[in-house]
C-alpha atoms as a PDB file:
ATOM      1  CA  MET A   1       0.206  -0.202   0.001  1.00  0.00           C
ATOM      2  CA  ASN A   2       1.019   3.332  -0.891  1.00  0.00           C
ATOM      3  CA  VAL A   3       1.111   6.380   1.654  1.00  0.00           C
ATOM      4  CA  ILE A   4       1.965   8.968  -1.281  1.00  0.00           C
ATOM      5  CA  GLU A   5       0.412   8.350  -4.818  1.00  0.00           C
ATOM      6  CA  THR A   6       0.583  11.340  -7.694  1.00  0.00           C
ATOM      7  CA  SER A   7      -0.290  11.252 -11.034  1.00  0.00           C
ATOM      8  CA  GLY A   8       0.498  13.641 -13.527  1.00  0.00           C
ATOM      9  CA  LEU A   9       1.296  16.153 -11.061  1.00  0.00           C
ATOM     10  CA  THR A  10       1.887  19.371 -12.701  1.00  0.00           C
ATOM     11  CA  ARG A  11       3.016  23.009 -11.248  1.00  0.00           C
ATOM     12  CA  ARG A  12       4.124  25.866 -12.699  1.00  0.00           C
ATOM     13  CA  PHE A  13       5.319  29.485 -11.945  1.00  0.00           C
ATOM     14  CA  GLY A  14       4.492  31.880 -14.816  1.00  0.00           C
ATOM     15  CA  LYS A  15       5.911  30.169 -18.012  1.00  0.00           C
ATOM     16  CA  MET A  16       8.599  27.808 -15.610  1.00  0.00           C
ATOM     17  CA  THR A  17       7.142  24.459 -15.216  1.00  0.00           C
ATOM     18  CA  ALA A  18       8.613  23.442 -11.543  1.00  0.00           C
ATOM     19  CA  VAL A  19       6.986  20.064 -11.409  1.00  0.00           C
ATOM     20  CA  ASP A  20       6.191  18.463 -14.645  1.00  0.00           C
ATOM     21  CA  ARG A  21       3.727  15.423 -14.624  1.00  0.00           C
ATOM     22  CA  VAL A  22       5.158  13.712 -11.705  1.00  0.00           C
ATOM     23  CA  ASP A  23       3.965  10.037 -10.806  1.00  0.00           C
ATOM     24  CA  LEU A  24       5.155   9.145  -7.042  1.00  0.00           C
ATOM     25  CA  ALA A  25       4.311   6.023  -5.378  1.00  0.00           C
ATOM     26  CA  VAL A  26       5.603   5.819  -1.626  1.00  0.00           C
ATOM     27  CA  PRO A  27       5.094   2.301  -0.165  1.00  0.00           C
ATOM     28  CA  ARG A  28       4.155   2.507   3.524  1.00  0.00           C
ATOM     29  CA  GLY A  29       7.206   1.331   5.947  1.00  0.00           C
ATOM     30  CA  SER A  30       9.547   2.773   3.532  1.00  0.00           C
ATOM     31  CA  VAL A  31      12.446   5.434   3.816  1.00  0.00           C
ATOM     32  CA  TYR A  32      11.563   7.292   0.171  1.00  0.00           C
ATOM     33  CA  GLY A  33      14.809   8.800  -0.794  1.00  0.00           C
ATOM     34  CA  PHE A  34      13.642  12.285  -3.124  1.00  0.00           C
ATOM     35  CA  LEU A  35      16.428  13.346  -4.863  1.00  0.00           C
ATOM     36  CA  GLY A  36      17.504  15.811  -7.563  1.00  0.00           C
ATOM     37  CA  ALA A  37      19.540  18.893  -7.719  1.00  0.00           C
ATOM     38  CA  ASN A  38      19.362  22.047  -6.175  1.00  0.00           C
ATOM     39  CA  GLY A  39      16.265  23.921  -8.411  1.00  0.00           C
ATOM     40  CA  ALA A  40      15.115  20.403  -9.709  1.00  0.00           C
ATOM     41  CA  GLY A  41      11.639  20.784  -8.052  1.00  0.00           C
ATOM     42  CA  LYS A  42      11.856  18.693  -4.720  1.00  0.00           C
ATOM     43  CA  THR A  43      10.859  21.596  -2.435  1.00  0.00           C
ATOM     44  CA  THR A  44       7.672  22.398  -4.862  1.00  0.00           C
ATOM     45  CA  THR A  45       6.421  19.089  -5.020  1.00  0.00           C
ATOM     46  CA  ILE A  46       6.592  18.796  -1.230  1.00  0.00           C
ATOM     47  CA  ARG A  47       4.699  21.625  -0.965  1.00  0.00           C
ATOM     48  CA  LEU A  48       1.968  20.318  -3.591  1.00  0.00           C
ATOM     49  CA  LEU A  49       2.064  16.870  -1.078  1.00  0.00           C
ATOM     50  CA  LEU A  50       1.120  19.010   1.891  1.00  0.00           C
ATOM     51  CA  GLY A  51      -1.237  21.666   0.783  1.00  0.00           C
ATOM     52  CA  LEU A  52       1.169  24.633   0.785  1.00  0.00           C
ATOM     53  CA  LEU A  53       0.766  24.855  -2.994  1.00  0.00           C
ATOM     54  CA  ARG A  54      -2.135  24.202  -5.499  1.00  0.00           C
ATOM     55  CA  PRO A  55      -1.242  22.176  -8.702  1.00  0.00           C
ATOM     56  CA  HIS A  56      -2.161  23.386 -12.122  1.00  0.00           C
ATOM     57  CA  ALA A  57      -2.842  19.548 -13.229  1.00  0.00           C
ATOM     58  CA  GLY A  58      -2.949  16.114 -12.013  1.00  0.00           C
ATOM     59  CA  THR A  59      -4.075  14.617  -8.959  1.00  0.00           C
ATOM     60  CA  ILE A  60      -2.426  13.555  -5.048  1.00  0.00           C
ATOM     61  CA  SER A  61      -3.293  10.714  -2.851  1.00  0.00           C
ATOM     62  CA  VAL A  62      -1.962  11.333   0.277  1.00  0.00           C
ATOM     63  CA  LEU A  63      -2.777  10.560   4.157  1.00  0.00           C
ATOM     64  CA  ASP A  64      -4.755  13.061   5.894  1.00  0.00           C
ATOM     65  CA  LEU A  65      -2.455  15.959   7.276  1.00  0.00           C
ATOM     66  CA  ARG A  66      -3.441  15.094  11.071  1.00  0.00           C
ATOM     67  CA  ARG A  67      -1.647  11.768   9.995  1.00  0.00           C
ATOM     68  CA  ILE A  68       1.761  13.748   8.707  1.00  0.00           C
ATOM     69  CA  GLY A  69       4.927  15.293   9.859  1.00  0.00           C
ATOM     70  CA  SER A  70       7.095  17.342   8.494  1.00  0.00           C
ATOM     71  CA  LEU A  71      10.082  19.288   8.308  1.00  0.00           C
ATOM     72  CA  VAL A  72      10.212  21.807   5.305  1.00  0.00           C
ATOM     73  CA  GLU A  73      13.384  23.918   5.152  1.00  0.00           C
ATOM     74  CA  THR A  74      15.307  25.494   8.594  1.00  0.00           C
ATOM     75  CA  PRO A  75      13.050  24.827  11.555  1.00  0.00           C
ATOM     76  CA  SER A  76      11.604  27.716  13.290  1.00  0.00           C
ATOM     77  CA  HIS A  77      12.144  28.021  17.139  1.00  0.00           C
ATOM     78  CA  TYR A  78      11.732  30.482  20.045  1.00  0.00           C
ATOM     79  CA  PRO A  79      15.771  30.737  21.307  1.00  0.00           C
ATOM     80  CA  HIS A  80      14.833  32.308  24.537  1.00  0.00           C
ATOM     81  CA  LEU A  81      12.793  29.286  25.554  1.00  0.00           C
ATOM     82  CA  THR A  82      13.819  25.429  26.374  1.00  0.00           C
ATOM     83  CA  GLY A  83      13.522  22.646  23.877  1.00  0.00           C
ATOM     84  CA  ARG A  84      11.120  21.333  26.604  1.00  0.00           C
ATOM     85  CA  GLU A  85       9.062  24.664  26.421  1.00  0.00           C
ATOM     86  CA  ASN A  86       9.571  24.905  22.258  1.00  0.00           C
ATOM     87  CA  LEU A  87       7.917  21.592  22.369  1.00  0.00           C
ATOM     88  CA  GLU A  88       4.909  22.467  24.813  1.00  0.00           C
ATOM     89  CA  VAL A  89       4.089  25.731  22.841  1.00  0.00           C
ATOM     90  CA  VAL A  90       3.475  22.964  19.476  1.00  0.00           C
ATOM     91  CA  ARG A  91       1.516  20.060  21.666  1.00  0.00           C
ATOM     92  CA  ARG A  92      -0.691  22.917  22.697  1.00  0.00           C
ATOM     93  CA  LEU A  93      -1.132  23.984  19.257  1.00  0.00           C
ATOM     94  CA  GLN A  94      -1.742  20.489  18.252  1.00  0.00           C
ATOM     95  CA  GLY A  95      -4.001  19.577  21.108  1.00  0.00           C
ATOM     96  CA  THR A  96      -1.665  16.365  21.341  1.00  0.00           C
ATOM     97  CA  HIS A  97      -1.031  14.505  25.010  1.00  0.00           C
ATOM     98  CA  PRO A  98       1.462  15.911  27.493  1.00  0.00           C
ATOM     99  CA  ARG A  99       3.241  12.393  27.671  1.00  0.00           C
ATOM    100  CA  ARG A 100       4.190  13.128  24.122  1.00  0.00           C
ATOM    101  CA  ILE A 101       7.026  15.598  24.999  1.00  0.00           C
ATOM    102  CA  PRO A 102       9.438  12.996  26.810  1.00  0.00           C
ATOM    103  CA  ALA A 103       8.946  10.679  24.315  1.00  0.00           C
ATOM    104  CA  VAL A 104       9.687  12.881  21.144  1.00  0.00           C
ATOM    105  CA  LEU A 105      12.712  14.097  23.615  1.00  0.00           C
ATOM    106  CA  SER A 106      14.013  10.669  24.227  1.00  0.00           C
ATOM    107  CA  ARG A 107      13.371   9.627  20.637  1.00  0.00           C
ATOM    108  CA  MET A 108      15.549  12.635  19.064  1.00  0.00           C
ATOM    109  CA  GLU A 109      18.157  11.806  22.157  1.00  0.00           C
ATOM    110  CA  LEU A 110      17.356  15.365  23.618  1.00  0.00           C
ATOM    111  CA  ALA A 111      16.198  14.410  27.137  1.00  0.00           C
ATOM    112  CA  ARG A 112      19.685  15.534  28.666  1.00  0.00           C
ATOM    113  CA  ASP A 113      19.411  18.961  27.292  1.00  0.00           C
ATOM    114  CA  ALA A 114      15.856  19.502  27.291  1.00  0.00           C
ATOM    115  CA  ASP A 115      15.920  22.342  29.974  1.00  0.00           C
ATOM    116  CA  ARG A 116      18.817  24.013  28.063  1.00  0.00           C
ATOM    117  CA  PRO A 117      17.638  27.644  26.091  1.00  0.00           C
ATOM    118  CA  VAL A 118      17.533  26.503  22.789  1.00  0.00           C
ATOM    119  CA  ARG A 119      19.746  29.452  21.746  1.00  0.00           C
ATOM    120  CA  GLN A 120      22.463  27.052  23.477  1.00  0.00           C
ATOM    121  CA  TYR A 121      21.795  24.675  20.813  1.00  0.00           C
ATOM    122  CA  SER A 122      24.218  23.412  18.284  1.00  0.00           C
ATOM    123  CA  LEU A 123      22.525  23.327  14.660  1.00  0.00           C
ATOM    124  CA  GLY A 124      22.426  19.575  14.814  1.00  0.00           C
ATOM    125  CA  MET A 125      20.585  19.532  17.883  1.00  0.00           C
ATOM    126  CA  ARG A 126      18.098  22.491  16.458  1.00  0.00           C
ATOM    127  CA  GLN A 127      17.587  20.130  13.694  1.00  0.00           C
ATOM    128  CA  ARG A 128      16.894  17.269  15.765  1.00  0.00           C
ATOM    129  CA  LEU A 129      14.373  19.600  17.952  1.00  0.00           C
ATOM    130  CA  GLY A 130      12.717  20.313  14.737  1.00  0.00           C
ATOM    131  CA  LEU A 131      12.166  16.415  14.360  1.00  0.00           C
ATOM    132  CA  ALA A 132      10.872  15.972  17.845  1.00  0.00           C
ATOM    133  CA  MET A 133       8.627  18.786  16.892  1.00  0.00           C
ATOM    134  CA  ALA A 134       7.279  16.672  13.504  1.00  0.00           C
ATOM    135  CA  LEU A 135       6.748  13.830  15.415  1.00  0.00           C
ATOM    136  CA  LEU A 136       4.644  15.068  18.253  1.00  0.00           C
ATOM    137  CA  GLY A 137       1.781  14.210  16.797  1.00  0.00           C
ATOM    138  CA  GLU A 138       2.543  10.540  16.028  1.00  0.00           C
ATOM    139  CA  PRO A 139       2.369  10.619  12.574  1.00  0.00           C
ATOM    140  CA  GLU A 140       2.679   7.797   9.983  1.00  0.00           C
ATOM    141  CA  LEU A 141       4.254   9.852   7.379  1.00  0.00           C
ATOM    142  CA  LEU A 142       7.091  11.855   7.881  1.00  0.00           C
ATOM    143  CA  ILE A 143       8.347  14.353   4.964  1.00  0.00           C
ATOM    144  CA  LEU A 144      11.522  16.025   5.509  1.00  0.00           C
ATOM    145  CA  ASP A 145      13.021  18.688   2.990  1.00  0.00           C
ATOM    146  CA  GLU A 146      16.870  18.414   2.934  1.00  0.00           C
ATOM    147  CA  PRO A 147      17.081  17.552   6.900  1.00  0.00           C
ATOM    148  CA  THR A 148      20.697  17.740   6.723  1.00  0.00           C
ATOM    149  CA  ASN A 149      21.457  21.206   5.002  1.00  0.00           C
ATOM    150  CA  GLY A 150      24.364  23.151   7.170  1.00  0.00           C
ATOM    151  CA  LEU A 151      24.963  20.175   9.569  1.00  0.00           C
ATOM    152  CA  ASP A 152      28.397  19.104  10.440  1.00  0.00           C
ATOM    153  CA  PRO A 153      29.277  15.316   9.397  1.00  0.00           C
ATOM    154  CA  ALA A 154      28.503  14.446  12.934  1.00  0.00           C
ATOM    155  CA  GLY A 155      25.082  16.071  12.999  1.00  0.00           C
ATOM    156  CA  ILE A 156      24.655  14.724   9.471  1.00  0.00           C
ATOM    157  CA  GLN A 157      25.388  11.043  10.786  1.00  0.00           C
ATOM    158  CA  ASP A 158      23.244  11.997  13.772  1.00  0.00           C
ATOM    159  CA  ILE A 159      19.954  12.727  11.668  1.00  0.00           C
ATOM    160  CA  ARG A 160      20.578   9.690   8.824  1.00  0.00           C
ATOM    161  CA  GLU A 161      20.733   6.834  12.007  1.00  0.00           C
ATOM    162  CA  LEU A 162      17.581   8.664  13.711  1.00  0.00           C
ATOM    163  CA  VAL A 163      15.756   8.575  10.285  1.00  0.00           C
ATOM    164  CA  ARG A 164      17.008   5.137   9.404  1.00  0.00           C
ATOM    165  CA  ARG A 165      15.120   3.372  12.747  1.00  0.00           C
ATOM    166  CA  LEU A 166      11.838   5.433  12.332  1.00  0.00           C
ATOM    167  CA  PRO A 167      10.198   2.603   9.937  1.00  0.00           C
ATOM    168  CA  GLY A 168      11.215  -0.600  11.962  1.00  0.00           C
ATOM    169  CA  GLU A 169      10.722   0.998  15.659  1.00  0.00           C
ATOM    170  CA  ASP A 170       8.134   3.782  14.861  1.00  0.00           C
ATOM    171  CA  GLY A 171       6.089   2.198  11.860  1.00  0.00           C
ATOM    172  CA  ILE A 172       6.439   5.606  10.346  1.00  0.00           C
ATOM    173  CA  THR A 173       7.249   6.142   6.773  1.00  0.00           C
ATOM    174  CA  VAL A 174       9.687   8.706   5.594  1.00  0.00           C
ATOM    175  CA  PHE A 175       9.960  10.538   2.272  1.00  0.00           C
ATOM    176  CA  LEU A 176      13.270  12.693   2.043  1.00  0.00           C
ATOM    177  CA  SER A 177      14.438  15.093  -0.012  1.00  0.00           C
ATOM    178  CA  SER A 178      18.096  15.702  -0.566  1.00  0.00           C
ATOM    179  CA  HIS A 179      20.097  16.784  -3.588  1.00  0.00           C
ATOM    180  CA  LEU A 180      23.514  14.648  -2.035  1.00  0.00           C
ATOM    181  CA  LEU A 181      22.836  10.743  -3.330  1.00  0.00           C
ATOM    182  CA  HIS A 182      25.729   9.573  -0.687  1.00  0.00           C
ATOM    183  CA  GLU A 183      23.373  11.268   2.542  1.00  0.00           C
ATOM    184  CA  VAL A 184      20.418   9.054   1.631  1.00  0.00           C
ATOM    185  CA  GLU A 185      21.592   5.657  -0.181  1.00  0.00           C
ATOM    186  CA  GLN A 186      22.490   4.140   3.049  1.00  0.00           C
ATOM    187  CA  ILE A 187      19.177   4.621   4.397  1.00  0.00           C
ATOM    188  CA  ALA A 188      16.572   5.087   1.292  1.00  0.00           C
ATOM    189  CA  THR A 189      14.606   1.768   0.506  1.00  0.00           C
ATOM    190  CA  ARG A 190      13.447   3.260  -2.533  1.00  0.00           C
ATOM    191  CA  ILE A 191      14.425   6.147  -4.176  1.00  0.00           C
ATOM    192  CA  GLY A 192      13.215   8.822  -6.920  1.00  0.00           C
ATOM    193  CA  ILE A 193      14.967  11.513  -9.012  1.00  0.00           C
ATOM    194  CA  LEU A 194      13.557  14.306 -10.053  1.00  0.00           C
ATOM    195  CA  ARG A 195      15.275  16.331 -13.272  1.00  0.00           C
ATOM    196  CA  ALA A 196      13.854  19.858 -14.374  1.00  0.00           C
ATOM    197  CA  GLY A 197      10.446  18.885 -12.537  1.00  0.00           C
ATOM    198  CA  SER A 198      10.352  15.528 -14.273  1.00  0.00           C
ATOM    199  CA  LEU A 199      10.673  12.306 -12.591  1.00  0.00           C
ATOM    200  CA  ILE A 200      13.346  10.367 -14.430  1.00  0.00           C
ATOM    201  CA  PHE A 201      13.697   7.343 -12.216  1.00  0.00           C
ATOM    202  CA  GLN A 202      11.612   5.440  -9.524  1.00  0.00           C
ATOM    203  CA  GLY A 203      12.530   2.539  -7.953  1.00  0.00           C
ATOM    204  CA  THR A 204      14.868   0.740  -5.351  1.00  0.00           C
ATOM    205  CA  PRO A 205      18.806   1.565  -4.951  1.00  0.00           C
ATOM    206  CA  ASP A 206      19.627  -1.956  -6.717  1.00  0.00           C
ATOM    207  CA  GLU A 207      17.535  -0.944  -9.787  1.00  0.00           C
ATOM    208  CA  LEU A 208      19.124   2.294  -9.978  1.00  0.00           C
ATOM    209  CA  HIS A 209      22.428   0.645  -9.919  1.00  0.00           C
ATOM    210  CA  SER A 210      21.801  -2.078 -12.678  1.00  0.00           C
ATOM    211  CA  ARG A 211      20.668   0.604 -15.036  1.00  0.00           C
ATOM    212  CA  LEU A 212      24.059   0.772 -16.352  1.00  0.00           C
ATOM    213  CA  GLN A 213      26.356  -2.114 -17.201  1.00  0.00           C
ATOM    214  CA  PRO A 214      29.939  -2.588 -15.998  1.00  0.00           C
ATOM    215  CA  VAL A 215      32.370  -1.821 -18.949  1.00  0.00           C
ATOM    216  CA  VAL A 216      36.002  -3.358 -19.513  1.00  0.00           C
ATOM    217  CA  THR A 217      38.631  -0.807 -20.408  1.00  0.00           C
ATOM    218  CA  LEU A 218      41.395  -2.213 -22.165  1.00  0.00           C
ATOM    219  CA  GLU A 219      44.939  -0.977 -23.791  1.00  0.00           C
ATOM    220  CA  VAL A 220      45.277  -2.600 -27.036  1.00  0.00           C
ATOM    221  CA  GLU A 221      47.146  -2.118 -30.548  1.00  0.00           C
ATOM    222  CA  ARG A 222      45.240  -1.401 -33.741  1.00  0.00           C
ATOM    223  CA  PRO A 223      42.119  -0.455 -31.449  1.00  0.00           C
ATOM    224  CA  GLU A 224      40.385   0.775 -34.425  1.00  0.00           C
ATOM    225  CA  GLU A 225      41.037  -3.417 -35.880  1.00  0.00           C
ATOM    226  CA  ALA A 226      40.286  -4.726 -32.646  1.00  0.00           C
ATOM    227  CA  ALA A 227      37.034  -2.818 -32.238  1.00  0.00           C
ATOM    228  CA  ARG A 228      36.035  -4.627 -35.577  1.00  0.00           C
ATOM    229  CA  VAL A 229      36.954  -8.360 -34.214  1.00  0.00           C
ATOM    230  CA  LEU A 230      34.939  -7.961 -31.326  1.00  0.00           C
ATOM    231  CA  ALA A 231      32.048  -6.337 -33.459  1.00  0.00           C
ATOM    232  CA  ALA A 232      32.081  -9.894 -35.244  1.00  0.00           C
ATOM    233  CA  ASP A 233      31.495 -11.413 -31.876  1.00  0.00           C
ATOM    234  CA  GLY A 234      28.932  -8.908 -30.627  1.00  0.00           C
ATOM    235  CA  TRP A 235      30.689  -6.749 -28.584  1.00  0.00           C
ATOM    236  CA  ALA A 236      30.049  -3.425 -29.074  1.00  0.00           C
ATOM    237  CA  ALA A 237      33.592  -1.494 -28.424  1.00  0.00           C
ATOM    238  CA  GLN A 238      33.844   2.438 -28.321  1.00  0.00           C
ATOM    239  CA  PRO A 239      36.931   4.716 -28.274  1.00  0.00           C
ATOM    240  CA  ALA A 240      38.022   5.453 -24.837  1.00  0.00           C
ATOM    241  CA  ALA A 241      41.604   7.441 -24.491  1.00  0.00           C
ATOM    242  CA  PRO A 242      44.047   7.098 -27.533  1.00  0.00           C
ATOM    243  CA  GLY A 243      45.135   3.247 -27.638  1.00  0.00           C
ATOM    244  CA  ARG A 244      42.210   2.420 -25.297  1.00  0.00           C
ATOM    245  CA  LEU A 245      38.686   0.613 -25.929  1.00  0.00           C
ATOM    246  CA  ARG A 246      35.548   0.239 -23.478  1.00  0.00           C
ATOM    247  CA  VAL A 247      33.377  -2.369 -24.421  1.00  0.00           C
ATOM    248  CA  ALA A 248      30.299  -3.423 -22.164  1.00  0.00           C
ATOM    249  CA  ALA A 249      30.609  -6.791 -19.966  1.00  0.00           C
ATOM    250  CA  GLN A 250      28.586  -8.298 -17.757  1.00  0.00           C
ATOM    251  CA  ASP A 251      31.500 -10.103 -15.461  1.00  0.00           C
ATOM    252  CA  GLY A 252      35.189 -10.859 -15.091  1.00  0.00           C
ATOM    253  CA  ALA A 253      34.412 -14.234 -17.040  1.00  0.00           C
ATOM    254  CA  GLU A 254      33.123 -11.967 -20.026  1.00  0.00           C
ATOM    255  CA  ALA A 255      36.304  -9.406 -19.591  1.00  0.00           C
ATOM    256  CA  ALA A 256      38.596 -12.581 -19.980  1.00  0.00           C
ATOM    257  CA  ARG A 257      36.497 -13.871 -22.720  1.00  0.00           C
ATOM    258  CA  ILE A 258      37.259 -10.575 -24.458  1.00  0.00           C
ATOM    259  CA  ASN A 259      41.007 -10.673 -23.714  1.00  0.00           C
ATOM    260  CA  ALA A 260      41.027 -14.306 -25.217  1.00  0.00           C
ATOM    261  CA  ARG A 261      39.581 -13.015 -27.799  1.00  0.00           C
ATOM    262  CA  LEU A 262      41.811 -10.423 -29.045  1.00  0.00           C
ATOM    263  CA  VAL A 263      45.108 -12.320 -28.026  1.00  0.00           C
ATOM    264  CA  ALA A 264      43.653 -15.368 -30.071  1.00  0.00           C
ATOM    265  CA  ALA A 265      43.277 -12.911 -33.386  1.00  0.00           C
ATOM    266  CA  GLY A 266      46.907 -11.785 -32.740  1.00  0.00           C
ATOM    267  CA  PHE A 267      46.469  -8.548 -30.802  1.00  0.00           C
ATOM    268  CA  ALA A 268      49.009  -7.482 -27.800  1.00  0.00           C
ATOM    269  CA  VAL A 269      46.789  -6.727 -25.102  1.00  0.00           C
ATOM    270  CA  SER A 270      48.586  -4.217 -22.542  1.00  0.00           C
ATOM    271  CA  HIS A 271      45.799  -3.062 -20.256  1.00  0.00           C
ATOM    272  CA  LEU A 272      42.709  -4.612 -19.219  1.00  0.00           C
ATOM    273  CA  ALA A 273      40.084  -3.716 -16.261  1.00  0.00           C
ATOM    274  CA  LEU A 274      36.611  -4.441 -15.512  1.00  0.00           C
ATOM    275  CA  GLU A 275      34.962  -1.148 -13.912  1.00  0.00           C
ATOM    276  CA  ARG A 276      31.904  -0.463 -12.749  1.00  0.00           C
ATOM    277  CA  LEU A 277      29.860   2.657 -12.299  1.00  0.00           C
ATOM    278  CA  SER A 278      29.252   3.668  -8.573  1.00  0.00           C
ATOM    279  CA  LEU A 279      25.766   4.971  -7.275  1.00  0.00           C
ATOM    280  CA  GLU A 280      26.806   8.449  -7.288  1.00  0.00           C
ATOM    281  CA  ASP A 281      28.256   8.293 -10.968  1.00  0.00           C
ATOM    282  CA  ILE A 282      24.954   7.175 -12.152  1.00  0.00           C
ATOM    283  CA  PHE A 283      22.894   9.856 -10.247  1.00  0.00           C
ATOM    284  CA  LEU A 284      25.282  12.516 -11.592  1.00  0.00           C
ATOM    285  CA  SER A 285      24.848  11.496 -14.980  1.00  0.00           C
ATOM    286  CA  LEU A 286      20.954  11.205 -14.801  1.00  0.00           C
ATOM    287  CA  THR A 287      20.597  14.616 -13.195  1.00  0.00           C
ATOM    288  CA  HIS A 288      23.195  16.816 -14.634  1.00  0.00           C
ATOM    289  CA  SER A 289      23.755  15.080 -18.422  1.00  0.00           C
ATOM    290  CA  GLN A 290      23.161  12.181 -20.589  1.00  0.00           C
ATOM    291  CA  GLU A 291      26.275  11.090 -20.703  1.00  0.00           C
ATOM    292  CA  ILE A 292      27.879   8.051 -19.075  1.00  0.00           C
ATOM    293  CA  PRO A 293      30.578   9.295 -16.565  1.00  0.00           C
ATOM    294  CA  HIS A 294      33.997   7.482 -16.129  1.00  0.00           C
ATOM    295  CA  ALA A 295      33.601   4.170 -14.176  1.00  0.00           C
ATOM    296  CA  VAL A 296      35.427   3.147 -10.797  1.00  0.00           C
ATOM    297  CA  PRO A 297      37.573   0.089 -11.076  1.00  0.00           C
ATOM    298  CA  VAL A 298      36.831  -2.995  -9.668  1.00  0.00           C
ATOM    299  CA  ALA A 299      38.729  -5.536 -10.478  1.00  0.00           C
ATOM    300  CA  SER A 300      41.540  -6.484 -12.873  1.00  0.00           C
ATOM    301  CA  PRO A 301      41.455 -10.110 -14.811  1.00  0.00           C
ATOM    302  CA  ALA A 302      45.241 -11.385 -15.256  1.00  0.00           C
ATOM    303  CA  LEU A 303      45.933 -11.089 -18.550  1.00  0.00           C
END
């Protein structure tokens, strides 16, 4: 069952289309990483999901807002009040039970600092307080927009670990936007990638990784002739650096067969390596250009 579904979701600002026919499907119990470069339309999509903007076209199916917690952009606090007092202000506005305050303070690891003024909090602590506010109403869905912006590596790790535990320990589905893949790839069970307002990928991290095959990079004499020999056997070879070819291959065994075929045909192969694109490379290739980036070496079969 999906907690968020959109069909043809579209939003324009003047002549610019910020969200272009987006079809989201966010399964219950998932951590959905909503990825895209800055300006891709992520925040506009989130505002549409929360009812803060109206779409120009398309449909949205999402939980009742009373069952959604959200943290969009920088959380707002009263710096002269303590963390506990800030939560009390929100609790009264929401009408939730007082027992929720110690519960969310503990969940966000802020119990020890609950009675300190927020002006004394680090940026990471303020972000965790914002998450505590979002969790006060015991939401079934938590929507987070760039929650690690501006945090140091320790703060990023804290937020990442807290988010990772929410589906399993609290039964909360998390929809998390970011422009940095490495911040979410360790915790996301589903990924959607937005480019210029269009959803260009949606699936699991493994499905994203499988979109591009490993390649064999080889250095060989007479590369143009070698490419014709490989093409005759069904391997499409592309020129790389001078004297080098790149050939799509499934695994190390196929790389070895390519090498054996060239040697048998009388070509001297001086370098051969099986290379695989990292998830970050694939993400960057999808969001910034149509070109396949250079791969990362993972193995070099013996010649």
